[in-house]
Amino acid sequence: MLALAREVSSIAAAPDPARARRDRALETIARAFGEDPELAARLLAAWHRAGTDKRLALTLAWVREQLRASLEDILEAGVKSRVFRRDPKPAVLAWVLLAGCEALLREAPGGGVASTAEILRGLARLTEP
């Protein structure tokens, strides 16, 4: 999970256009949550254990916040360059995008009702004006 946060942070810091960074970050998170059954199983188990393990709960919350903050940085850059909507605020949209990717943890591999690719396109469209 920490490696994922580092990878998404480096995507956010890249000099690429905001739209390209958004797409790469979402693909990276979705691939980890939706296509890596081992990571998904470990992460779901960790969140379950976090209910009784305060240190684990804080660690998971910190890593999740790093992912959300990286997405927010990308969205803020897109707002400044007028390629992304400014309302709702980037912080809120970043939370929604991350929550959408996290929902993939509970889907069948490759997506349930819709494919992972379709879900990612839908999430990305939420940021468009």
C-alpha atoms as a PDB file:
ATOM      1  CA  MET A   1       0.000   0.000   0.000  1.00  0.00           C
ATOM      2  CA  LEU A   2       2.849   2.366   0.805  1.00  0.00           C
ATOM      3  CA  ALA A   3       4.470   1.577  -2.553  1.00  0.00           C
ATOM      4  CA  LEU A   4       1.168   2.468  -4.224  1.00  0.00           C
ATOM      5  CA  ALA A   5       1.060   5.813  -2.409  1.00  0.00           C
ATOM      6  CA  ARG A   6       4.640   6.546  -3.511  1.00  0.00           C
ATOM      7  CA  GLU A   7       3.863   5.663  -7.122  1.00  0.00           C
ATOM      8  CA  VAL A   8       0.763   7.875  -7.221  1.00  0.00           C
ATOM      9  CA  SER A   9       2.677  10.695  -5.555  1.00  0.00           C
ATOM     10  CA  SER A  10       5.324  10.532  -8.274  1.00  0.00           C
ATOM     11  CA  ILE A  11       2.592  10.616 -10.922  1.00  0.00           C
ATOM     12  CA  ALA A  12       1.134  13.726  -9.268  1.00  0.00           C
ATOM     13  CA  ALA A  13       4.540  15.422  -9.280  1.00  0.00           C
ATOM     14  CA  ALA A  14       5.277  14.635 -12.939  1.00  0.00           C
ATOM     15  CA  PRO A  15       5.366  17.519 -15.446  1.00  0.00           C
ATOM     16  CA  ASP A  16       2.748  15.854 -17.679  1.00  0.00           C
ATOM     17  CA  PRO A  17      -0.596  17.563 -18.393  1.00  0.00           C
ATOM     18  CA  ALA A  18      -3.138  17.240 -15.581  1.00  0.00           C
ATOM     19  CA  ARG A  19      -5.494  15.074 -17.642  1.00  0.00           C
ATOM     20  CA  ALA A  20      -2.725  12.541 -18.377  1.00  0.00           C
ATOM     21  CA  ARG A  21      -1.676  12.496 -14.707  1.00  0.00           C
ATOM     22  CA  ARG A  22      -5.299  12.008 -13.595  1.00  0.00           C
ATOM     23  CA  ASP A  23      -5.745   9.090 -15.942  1.00  0.00           C
ATOM     24  CA  ARG A  24      -2.441   7.455 -14.952  1.00  0.00           C
ATOM     25  CA  ALA A  25      -3.123   7.906 -11.236  1.00  0.00           C
ATOM     26  CA  LEU A  26      -6.629   6.451 -11.504  1.00  0.00           C
ATOM     27  CA  GLU A  27      -5.377   3.519 -13.585  1.00  0.00           C
ATOM     28  CA  THR A  28      -2.612   2.827 -11.074  1.00  0.00           C
ATOM     29  CA  ILE A  29      -4.951   2.863  -8.083  1.00  0.00           C
ATOM     30  CA  ALA A  30      -7.654   0.874  -9.867  1.00  0.00           C
ATOM     31  CA  ARG A  31      -5.164  -1.723 -11.072  1.00  0.00           C
ATOM     32  CA  ALA A  32      -3.931  -2.213  -7.506  1.00  0.00           C
ATOM     33  CA  PHE A  33      -7.411  -2.368  -5.976  1.00  0.00           C
ATOM     34  CA  GLY A  34      -9.296  -4.073  -8.797  1.00  0.00           C
ATOM     35  CA  GLU A  35      -6.809  -6.417 -10.404  1.00  0.00           C
ATOM     36  CA  ASP A  36      -4.511  -7.545  -7.596  1.00  0.00           C
ATOM     37  CA  PRO A  37      -6.540 -10.107  -5.607  1.00  0.00           C
ATOM     38  CA  GLU A  38      -3.733 -10.615  -3.083  1.00  0.00           C
ATOM     39  CA  LEU A  39      -3.492  -6.906  -2.271  1.00  0.00           C
ATOM     40  CA  ALA A  40      -7.273  -6.601  -2.159  1.00  0.00           C
ATOM     41  CA  ALA A  41      -7.585  -9.506   0.286  1.00  0.00           C
ATOM     42  CA  ARG A  42      -4.808  -8.155   2.515  1.00  0.00           C
ATOM     43  CA  LEU A  43      -6.205  -4.628   2.446  1.00  0.00           C
ATOM     44  CA  LEU A  44      -9.752  -5.696   3.263  1.00  0.00           C
ATOM     45  CA  ALA A  45      -8.431  -7.851   6.117  1.00  0.00           C
ATOM     46  CA  ALA A  46      -6.329  -4.943   7.394  1.00  0.00           C
ATOM     47  CA  TRP A  47      -9.309  -2.583   7.384  1.00  0.00           C
ATOM     48  CA  HIS A  48     -11.269  -5.196   9.303  1.00  0.00           C
ATOM     49  CA  ARG A  49      -8.453  -5.558  11.877  1.00  0.00           C
ATOM     50  CA  ALA A  50      -8.126  -1.775  12.102  1.00  0.00           C
ATOM     51  CA  GLY A  51     -11.375  -1.725  14.061  1.00  0.00           C
ATOM     52  CA  THR A  52      -9.454  -3.067  17.054  1.00  0.00           C
ATOM     53  CA  ASP A  53      -5.895  -1.952  16.211  1.00  0.00           C
ATOM     54  CA  LYS A  54      -5.502   1.794  16.567  1.00  0.00           C
ATOM     55  CA  ARG A  55      -1.971   1.889  15.128  1.00  0.00           C
ATOM     56  CA  LEU A  56      -3.066  -0.029  12.039  1.00  0.00           C
ATOM     57  CA  ALA A  57      -6.104   2.243  11.671  1.00  0.00           C
ATOM     58  CA  LEU A  58      -3.874   5.333  11.759  1.00  0.00           C
ATOM     59  CA  THR A  59      -1.428   3.806   9.273  1.00  0.00           C
ATOM     60  CA  LEU A  60      -4.191   2.915   6.815  1.00  0.00           C
ATOM     61  CA  ALA A  61      -5.748   6.360   7.213  1.00  0.00           C
ATOM     62  CA  TRP A  62      -2.361   8.032   6.581  1.00  0.00           C
ATOM     63  CA  VAL A  63      -1.710   6.022   3.407  1.00  0.00           C
ATOM     64  CA  ARG A  64      -5.253   6.647   2.177  1.00  0.00           C
ATOM     65  CA  GLU A  65      -4.770  10.368   2.789  1.00  0.00           C
ATOM     66  CA  GLN A  66      -1.555  10.308   0.740  1.00  0.00           C
ATOM     67  CA  LEU A  67      -3.462   8.809  -2.202  1.00  0.00           C
ATOM     68  CA  ARG A  68      -6.276  11.349  -1.818  1.00  0.00           C
ATOM     69  CA  ALA A  69      -3.851  14.268  -1.518  1.00  0.00           C
ATOM     70  CA  SER A  70      -2.006  13.205  -4.678  1.00  0.00           C
ATOM     71  CA  LEU A  71      -5.288  13.083  -6.581  1.00  0.00           C
ATOM     72  CA  GLU A  72      -6.203  16.499  -5.170  1.00  0.00           C
ATOM     73  CA  ASP A  73      -2.876  17.961  -6.352  1.00  0.00           C
ATOM     74  CA  ILE A  74      -3.564  16.678  -9.866  1.00  0.00           C
ATOM     75  CA  LEU A  75      -7.105  18.064  -9.839  1.00  0.00           C
ATOM     76  CA  GLU A  76      -5.957  21.463  -8.559  1.00  0.00           C
ATOM     77  CA  ALA A  77      -3.471  21.681 -11.434  1.00  0.00           C
ATOM     78  CA  GLY A  78      -6.304  20.841 -13.826  1.00  0.00           C
ATOM     79  CA  VAL A  79      -8.524  23.514 -12.331  1.00  0.00           C
ATOM     80  CA  LYS A  80      -5.745  26.082 -12.778  1.00  0.00           C
ATOM     81  CA  SER A  81      -5.318  25.098 -16.417  1.00  0.00           C
ATOM     82  CA  ARG A  82      -9.120  25.040 -16.857  1.00  0.00           C
ATOM     83  CA  VAL A  83      -9.360  21.406 -17.938  1.00  0.00           C
ATOM     84  CA  PHE A  84     -11.149  20.260 -14.753  1.00  0.00           C
ATOM     85  CA  ARG A  85     -14.202  21.598 -13.013  1.00  0.00           C
ATOM     86  CA  ARG A  86     -13.737  23.738  -9.939  1.00  0.00           C
ATOM     87  CA  ASP A  87     -17.005  22.756  -8.253  1.00  0.00           C
ATOM     88  CA  PRO A  88     -17.080  20.577  -6.287  1.00  0.00           C
ATOM     89  CA  LYS A  89     -13.678  21.475  -4.903  1.00  0.00           C
ATOM     90  CA  PRO A  90     -10.698  19.305  -5.884  1.00  0.00           C
ATOM     91  CA  ALA A  91     -10.504  17.910  -2.333  1.00  0.00           C
ATOM     92  CA  VAL A  92     -14.066  16.592  -2.607  1.00  0.00           C
ATOM     93  CA  LEU A  93     -13.585  15.200  -6.106  1.00  0.00           C
ATOM     94  CA  ALA A  94     -10.343  13.515  -5.025  1.00  0.00           C
ATOM     95  CA  TRP A  95     -12.231  11.818  -2.187  1.00  0.00           C
ATOM     96  CA  VAL A  96     -14.928  10.632  -4.612  1.00  0.00           C
ATOM     97  CA  LEU A  97     -12.364   9.323  -7.108  1.00  0.00           C
ATOM     98  CA  LEU A  98     -10.515   7.420  -4.395  1.00  0.00           C
ATOM     99  CA  ALA A  99     -13.752   6.018  -2.962  1.00  0.00           C
ATOM    100  CA  GLY A 100     -14.697   4.819  -6.449  1.00  0.00           C
ATOM    101  CA  CYS A 101     -11.374   3.053  -6.814  1.00  0.00           C
ATOM    102  CA  GLU A 102     -11.693   1.555  -3.333  1.00  0.00           C
ATOM    103  CA  ALA A 103     -15.066   0.099  -4.288  1.00  0.00           C
ATOM    104  CA  LEU A 104     -13.193  -2.061  -6.804  1.00  0.00           C
ATOM    105  CA  LEU A 105     -11.830  -4.012  -3.819  1.00  0.00           C
ATOM    106  CA  ARG A 106     -15.271  -5.555  -3.434  1.00  0.00           C
ATOM    107  CA  GLU A 107     -15.918  -6.246  -7.123  1.00  0.00           C
ATOM    108  CA  ALA A 108     -15.193  -9.349  -9.106  1.00  0.00           C
ATOM    109  CA  PRO A 109     -11.811  -9.170 -10.863  1.00  0.00           C
ATOM    110  CA  GLY A 110     -12.143  -6.943 -13.928  1.00  0.00           C
ATOM    111  CA  GLY A 111     -15.316  -5.268 -12.649  1.00  0.00           C
ATOM    112  CA  GLY A 112     -18.852  -6.280 -11.819  1.00  0.00           C
ATOM    113  CA  VAL A 113     -21.709  -4.531 -13.607  1.00  0.00           C
ATOM    114  CA  ALA A 114     -19.205  -2.529 -15.649  1.00  0.00           C
ATOM    115  CA  SER A 115     -15.603  -3.191 -16.558  1.00  0.00           C
ATOM    116  CA  THR A 116     -12.852  -1.486 -14.612  1.00  0.00           C
ATOM    117  CA  ALA A 117     -12.061   0.591 -17.709  1.00  0.00           C
ATOM    118  CA  GLU A 118     -15.681   1.817 -17.912  1.00  0.00           C
ATOM    119  CA  ILE A 119     -15.660   2.669 -14.215  1.00  0.00           C
ATOM    120  CA  LEU A 120     -12.440   4.649 -14.638  1.00  0.00           C
ATOM    121  CA  ARG A 121     -13.874   6.567 -17.613  1.00  0.00           C
ATOM    122  CA  GLY A 122     -16.936   7.411 -15.523  1.00  0.00           C
ATOM    123  CA  LEU A 123     -14.845   8.566 -12.591  1.00  0.00           C
ATOM    124  CA  ALA A 124     -12.648  10.698 -14.852  1.00  0.00           C
ATOM    125  CA  ARG A 125     -15.719  12.327 -16.431  1.00  0.00           C
ATOM    126  CA  LEU A 126     -16.741  13.568 -12.975  1.00  0.00           C
ATOM    127  CA  THR A 127     -13.801  15.958 -13.113  1.00  0.00           C
ATOM    128  CA  GLU A 128     -14.642  17.395 -16.534  1.00  0.00           C
ATOM    129  CA  PRO A 129     -16.439  20.751 -16.833  1.00  0.00           C
END
